Protein backbone atom coordinates (compact mmCIF):
# COMPACT_ATOMS: atom_id res chain seq x y z
CA MET A 1 0.54 22.99 13.48
CA ALA A 2 -0.91 19.54 12.81
CA HIS A 3 -3.37 19.12 9.97
CA ASP A 4 -6.89 17.79 10.54
CA PRO A 5 -7.19 14.33 8.90
CA ASN A 6 -10.73 15.13 7.78
CA ASP A 7 -9.47 18.19 5.86
CA VAL A 8 -6.68 16.17 4.28
CA TRP A 9 -9.07 13.38 3.20
CA ALA A 10 -11.49 15.99 1.83
CA ASP A 11 -8.75 17.19 -0.54
CA MET A 12 -7.41 13.72 -1.35
CA THR A 13 -7.58 11.71 -4.54
CA ILE A 14 -6.52 8.07 -4.76
CA LYS A 15 -4.79 5.94 -7.34
CA VAL A 16 -5.34 2.21 -7.86
CA TRP A 17 -2.23 0.65 -9.33
CA PRO A 18 -3.21 -1.57 -12.29
CA GLU A 19 -0.81 -4.43 -11.61
CA ARG A 20 -1.37 -7.55 -9.54
CA TYR A 21 0.85 -7.59 -6.43
CA TRP A 22 2.26 -10.07 -3.90
CA LEU A 23 3.39 -9.65 -0.30
CA VAL A 24 6.55 -11.74 -0.03
CA ASP A 25 8.66 -12.59 3.02
CA LEU A 26 12.36 -13.32 2.40
CA ASP A 27 15.16 -13.91 4.87
CA SER A 28 18.03 -11.45 5.14
CA THR A 29 20.34 -13.47 2.88
CA HIS A 30 18.41 -12.17 -0.12
CA THR A 31 19.86 -8.64 -0.28
CA PRO A 32 20.90 -8.98 -3.96
CA ALA A 33 17.35 -10.07 -4.86
CA ALA A 34 15.93 -7.16 -2.86
CA LEU A 35 18.07 -4.68 -4.78
CA ALA A 36 17.16 -6.35 -8.08
CA ALA A 37 13.45 -6.17 -7.24
CA MET A 38 13.62 -2.44 -6.45
CA THR A 39 15.41 -1.82 -9.73
CA ALA A 40 13.12 -4.05 -11.80
CA SER A 41 9.94 -2.49 -10.42
CA THR A 42 10.64 1.00 -11.82
CA GLY A 43 7.33 2.45 -12.96
CA ARG A 44 5.31 0.19 -10.70
CA TYR A 45 4.62 0.23 -6.98
CA CYS A 46 7.21 -1.52 -4.83
CA CYS A 47 7.59 -1.48 -1.08
CA THR A 48 10.59 -2.96 0.67
CA ILE A 49 10.87 -3.26 4.41
CA ARG A 50 13.99 -4.64 5.99
CA ASP A 51 13.72 -5.44 9.67
CA GLN A 52 14.98 -7.96 12.20
CA THR A 53 13.28 -10.84 10.33
CA GLY A 54 14.58 -10.07 6.84
CA PHE A 55 12.68 -8.48 3.95
CA SER A 56 9.00 -7.90 3.33
CA PHE A 57 8.09 -6.84 -0.17
CA VAL A 58 4.95 -5.75 -1.90
CA LEU A 59 5.94 -6.51 -5.49
CA ASP A 60 4.09 -6.50 -8.77
CA ASP A 61 3.61 -9.89 -10.42
CA LYS A 62 6.16 -9.25 -13.20
CA THR A 63 8.89 -8.22 -10.77
CA TRP A 64 8.12 -11.11 -8.43
CA ARG A 65 8.34 -13.60 -11.30
CA SER A 66 11.72 -12.11 -12.31
CA ILE A 67 13.31 -12.76 -8.90
CA GLU A 68 11.32 -15.81 -7.76
CA PRO A 69 13.68 -18.37 -9.36
CA ASN A 70 16.55 -16.97 -7.26
CA VAL A 71 14.90 -16.89 -3.84
CA VAL A 72 12.94 -19.04 -1.44
CA ALA A 73 9.98 -17.15 -0.01
CA ARG A 74 9.15 -18.00 3.59
CA GLN A 75 5.62 -16.72 2.99
CA LYS A 76 3.72 -15.23 0.07
CA PHE A 77 0.29 -13.59 0.12
CA GLY A 78 -1.80 -12.44 -2.79
CA PRO A 79 -2.81 -11.62 -5.34
CA LEU A 80 -3.17 -8.07 -4.02
CA LYS A 81 -3.98 -4.62 -5.35
CA VAL A 82 -2.47 -1.35 -4.12
CA ILE A 83 -4.27 1.95 -3.52
CA SER A 84 -2.15 5.07 -3.04
CA THR A 85 -2.99 8.58 -1.98
CA ASP A 86 -2.48 10.81 -4.99
CA SER A 87 -2.64 14.35 -3.62
CA PRO A 88 -0.30 16.33 -1.37
CA LEU A 89 0.06 14.60 1.98
CA PRO A 90 1.40 16.72 4.85
CA PHE A 91 3.71 14.87 7.21
CA ASP A 92 2.16 16.34 10.35
CA VAL A 93 -1.36 14.96 9.88
CA VAL A 94 -2.33 12.73 12.82
CA GLY A 95 -5.02 10.06 12.38
CA PHE A 96 -5.00 10.05 8.58
CA ILE A 97 -4.34 6.32 8.21
CA GLN A 98 -6.57 5.53 11.18
CA ALA A 99 -9.54 7.15 9.42
CA ALA A 100 -8.99 4.93 6.38
CA LEU A 101 -8.53 1.79 8.46
CA ARG A 102 -11.64 2.53 10.49
CA LYS A 103 -13.65 2.85 7.26
CA VAL A 104 -12.22 -0.10 5.33
CA ASN A 105 -11.35 -2.55 8.10
CA GLY A 106 -14.60 -1.63 9.88
CA ALA A 107 -16.48 -2.87 6.80
CA GLY A 108 -14.63 -6.20 7.07
CA HIS A 109 -12.00 -5.62 4.39
CA LYS A 110 -8.21 -5.50 4.51
CA ALA A 111 -6.40 -2.20 3.99
CA ALA A 112 -2.87 -2.79 5.18
CA PRO A 113 -1.02 0.54 5.30
CA GLN A 114 2.46 1.36 4.07
CA CYS A 115 3.71 4.89 4.68
CA GLY A 116 5.74 6.98 2.31
CA ALA A 117 7.04 10.52 2.62
CA ALA A 118 4.83 11.97 -0.13
CA ALA A 119 2.02 9.39 -0.24
CA ASP A 120 0.50 6.63 1.83
CA HIS A 121 -0.31 3.25 0.36
CA PHE A 122 -2.69 0.46 1.26
CA PHE A 123 -2.80 -3.08 -0.07
CA THR A 124 -5.87 -5.28 -0.18
CA GLY A 125 -6.96 -8.55 -1.73
CA GLU A 126 -7.39 -8.37 -5.49
CA GLN A 127 -10.90 -9.79 -5.19
CA ASP A 128 -11.92 -6.87 -2.91
CA ILE A 129 -10.44 -3.95 -4.84
CA GLU A 130 -13.72 -2.54 -6.18
CA THR A 131 -15.32 -2.54 -2.74
CA VAL A 132 -12.23 -1.14 -1.02
CA GLU A 133 -11.82 1.58 -3.65
CA SER A 134 -15.49 2.48 -3.14
CA LEU A 135 -14.94 2.69 0.64
CA PHE A 136 -12.00 5.05 0.13
CA ASN A 137 -14.13 7.20 -2.16
CA GLN A 138 -16.91 7.21 0.47
CA LEU A 139 -14.37 8.36 3.07
CA ILE A 140 -13.33 11.23 0.79
CA ALA A 141 -16.97 12.19 0.07
CA GLU A 142 -17.84 12.11 3.80
CA ALA A 143 -14.81 14.26 4.62
CA LYS A 144 -15.91 16.81 1.99
CA ALA A 145 -19.45 16.81 3.39
CA LYS A 146 -18.14 17.59 6.92
CA ARG A 147 -16.54 20.84 5.76
């Protein structure tokens, strides 16, 4: 049975990762750099997506600086901050990310989602992190109030 997203948000806590992050676009020839970045980022958030265009990374500043001399980024966006869900997240919840995007994007801020098996993650501009974190906390408080 699918979980109600409101119930899941009502029980959710969030984590703001302390590091500064970058969204980096690399072509597919950079597999060794991709593997090095995943290894170097241990203890910090790292997201790697490999698709038909190559690699997209959300990397912390220290990890990015460690691989940057060996790669040519096609695009780079940032600095960013990452917010992660930090409570159990059932896989069969429908509309969970949509509720967050409606709240944050609806207020005119970026919350780009990245899904994980045990947690969902959202990146936003570093300059907006306090507002975006507040919007997530409002979403949680509103979900609790609807119970």
